[in-house]
């Protein structure tokens, strides 16, 4: 399942998608609800670099089975703490670019997860 605030992800029909209205922080709070219902992180809730963490769009992949041996709640808690301390870019004329970057990162993550049957 994909939890996202990016409408382009929902439109791409990449799988079951929960569209969240709001910021990337709102996305992570929704992910927290799913972790409480025994879902597990497949992708990390933060981007690969700090600059991308200011993007106004975030997509996180979850699975009903564990995909790694770490503590999902700890990882998510730290991500929420990190995002709570920063702001997000105002996309102005670059909104489509931000949505595209998030979607492309998601497609790459899904392709990698598929290799490992997650």
Protein backbone atom coordinates (compact mmCIF):
# COMPACT_ATOMS: atom_id res chain seq x y z
CA UNK A 1 0.00 0.00 0.00
CA UNK A 2 1.15 3.54 -0.75
CA UNK A 3 0.39 6.42 1.61
CA UNK A 4 0.92 9.75 -0.14
CA UNK A 5 -0.13 13.36 -0.46
CA UNK A 6 0.87 13.38 -4.15
CA UNK A 7 -2.17 13.28 -6.45
CA UNK A 8 0.04 12.09 -9.32
CA UNK A 9 0.77 8.88 -7.39
CA UNK A 10 -2.92 8.12 -7.08
CA UNK A 11 -3.42 8.87 -10.79
CA UNK A 12 -0.53 6.55 -11.74
CA UNK A 13 -2.44 3.58 -10.28
CA UNK A 14 0.66 1.84 -8.93
CA UNK A 15 -1.31 -0.15 -6.39
CA UNK A 16 -3.53 0.42 -3.38
CA UNK A 17 -3.12 4.08 -2.49
CA UNK A 18 -4.27 6.20 0.44
CA UNK A 19 -4.29 9.88 -0.55
CA UNK A 20 -3.69 12.19 2.42
CA UNK A 21 -4.63 15.85 2.30
CA UNK A 22 -1.87 17.95 3.82
CA UNK A 23 1.87 18.05 4.30
CA UNK A 24 4.47 15.28 4.34
CA UNK A 25 4.13 15.34 8.12
CA UNK A 26 0.42 14.51 7.73
CA UNK A 27 1.45 11.57 5.51
CA UNK A 28 3.76 10.25 8.24
CA UNK A 29 1.04 10.62 10.85
CA UNK A 30 -1.26 8.53 8.64
CA UNK A 31 1.54 5.96 8.24
CA UNK A 32 1.73 5.83 12.05
CA UNK A 33 -1.94 4.85 12.15
CA UNK A 34 -1.23 1.94 9.78
CA UNK A 35 1.78 0.79 11.80
CA UNK A 36 -0.63 0.60 14.74
CA UNK A 37 -2.75 -1.79 12.64
CA UNK A 38 0.20 -4.17 12.01
CA UNK A 39 1.38 -2.73 8.70
CA UNK A 40 5.14 -2.38 8.13
CA UNK A 41 7.47 0.08 6.43
CA UNK A 42 8.85 -0.94 3.05
CA UNK A 43 10.35 2.45 2.20
CA UNK A 44 12.01 4.86 4.59
CA UNK A 45 9.75 7.78 5.57
CA UNK A 46 12.50 10.34 4.83
CA UNK A 47 14.08 11.17 1.50
CA UNK A 48 17.62 10.23 0.61
CA UNK A 49 18.92 13.75 1.16
CA UNK A 50 18.02 16.68 3.34
CA UNK A 51 17.09 18.97 0.46
CA UNK A 52 14.44 16.51 -0.75
CA UNK A 53 13.02 16.33 2.77
CA UNK A 54 11.71 19.87 2.26
CA UNK A 55 9.60 18.73 -0.71
CA UNK A 56 5.88 19.32 -0.21
CA UNK A 57 5.15 15.74 -1.39
CA UNK A 58 5.87 12.43 0.34
CA UNK A 59 5.00 8.84 -0.51
CA UNK A 60 5.64 5.87 1.78
CA UNK A 61 5.17 2.21 0.89
CA UNK A 62 3.76 -0.17 3.49
CA UNK A 63 3.29 -3.94 3.56
CA UNK A 64 1.30 -6.35 5.66
CA UNK A 65 4.45 -8.40 6.19
CA UNK A 66 7.74 -7.14 7.62
CA UNK A 67 10.34 -6.21 4.99
CA UNK A 68 13.30 -5.82 7.36
CA UNK A 69 14.26 -6.61 10.94
CA UNK A 70 14.37 -3.06 12.31
CA UNK A 71 11.92 -1.14 14.48
CA UNK A 72 9.41 0.57 12.17
CA UNK A 73 7.96 2.70 14.95
CA UNK A 74 11.37 4.01 15.99
CA UNK A 75 12.29 4.90 12.41
CA UNK A 76 8.95 6.60 11.84
CA UNK A 77 9.15 8.45 15.16
CA UNK A 78 12.53 9.90 14.27
CA UNK A 79 11.25 10.90 10.83
CA UNK A 80 8.23 12.65 12.36
CA UNK A 81 10.50 14.44 14.81
CA UNK A 82 12.80 15.55 11.97
CA UNK A 83 9.96 16.82 9.77
CA UNK A 84 8.33 18.58 12.73
CA UNK A 85 11.43 20.75 13.10
CA UNK A 86 11.59 21.92 9.49
CA UNK A 87 9.37 23.60 6.97
CA UNK A 88 8.41 22.50 3.49
CA UNK A 89 9.04 24.28 0.23
CA UNK A 90 6.26 26.35 -1.26
CA UNK A 91 6.14 24.87 -4.75
CA UNK A 92 4.94 28.03 -6.53
CA UNK A 93 5.77 27.32 -10.21
CA UNK A 94 7.59 24.06 -9.46
CA UNK A 95 4.64 22.04 -8.13
CA UNK A 96 4.64 19.65 -11.11
CA UNK A 97 8.38 19.12 -10.66
CA UNK A 98 8.01 18.21 -6.99
CA UNK A 99 5.18 15.79 -7.79
CA UNK A 100 7.26 14.21 -10.59
CA UNK A 101 10.33 13.75 -8.36
CA UNK A 102 8.25 12.07 -5.66
CA UNK A 103 6.56 9.79 -8.21
CA UNK A 104 9.85 8.76 -9.83
CA UNK A 105 11.43 7.97 -6.45
CA UNK A 106 8.36 5.90 -5.61
CA UNK A 107 8.54 3.96 -8.89
CA UNK A 108 12.19 3.14 -8.22
CA UNK A 109 11.39 2.00 -4.68
CA UNK A 110 8.54 -0.20 -5.89
CA UNK A 111 10.76 -1.80 -8.54
CA UNK A 112 13.41 -2.56 -5.93
CA UNK A 113 10.86 -3.92 -3.46
CA UNK A 114 9.48 -6.21 -6.14
CA UNK A 115 12.93 -7.75 -6.63
CA UNK A 116 12.82 -8.82 -2.99
CA UNK A 117 9.18 -9.96 -3.13
CA UNK A 118 8.08 -7.36 -0.60
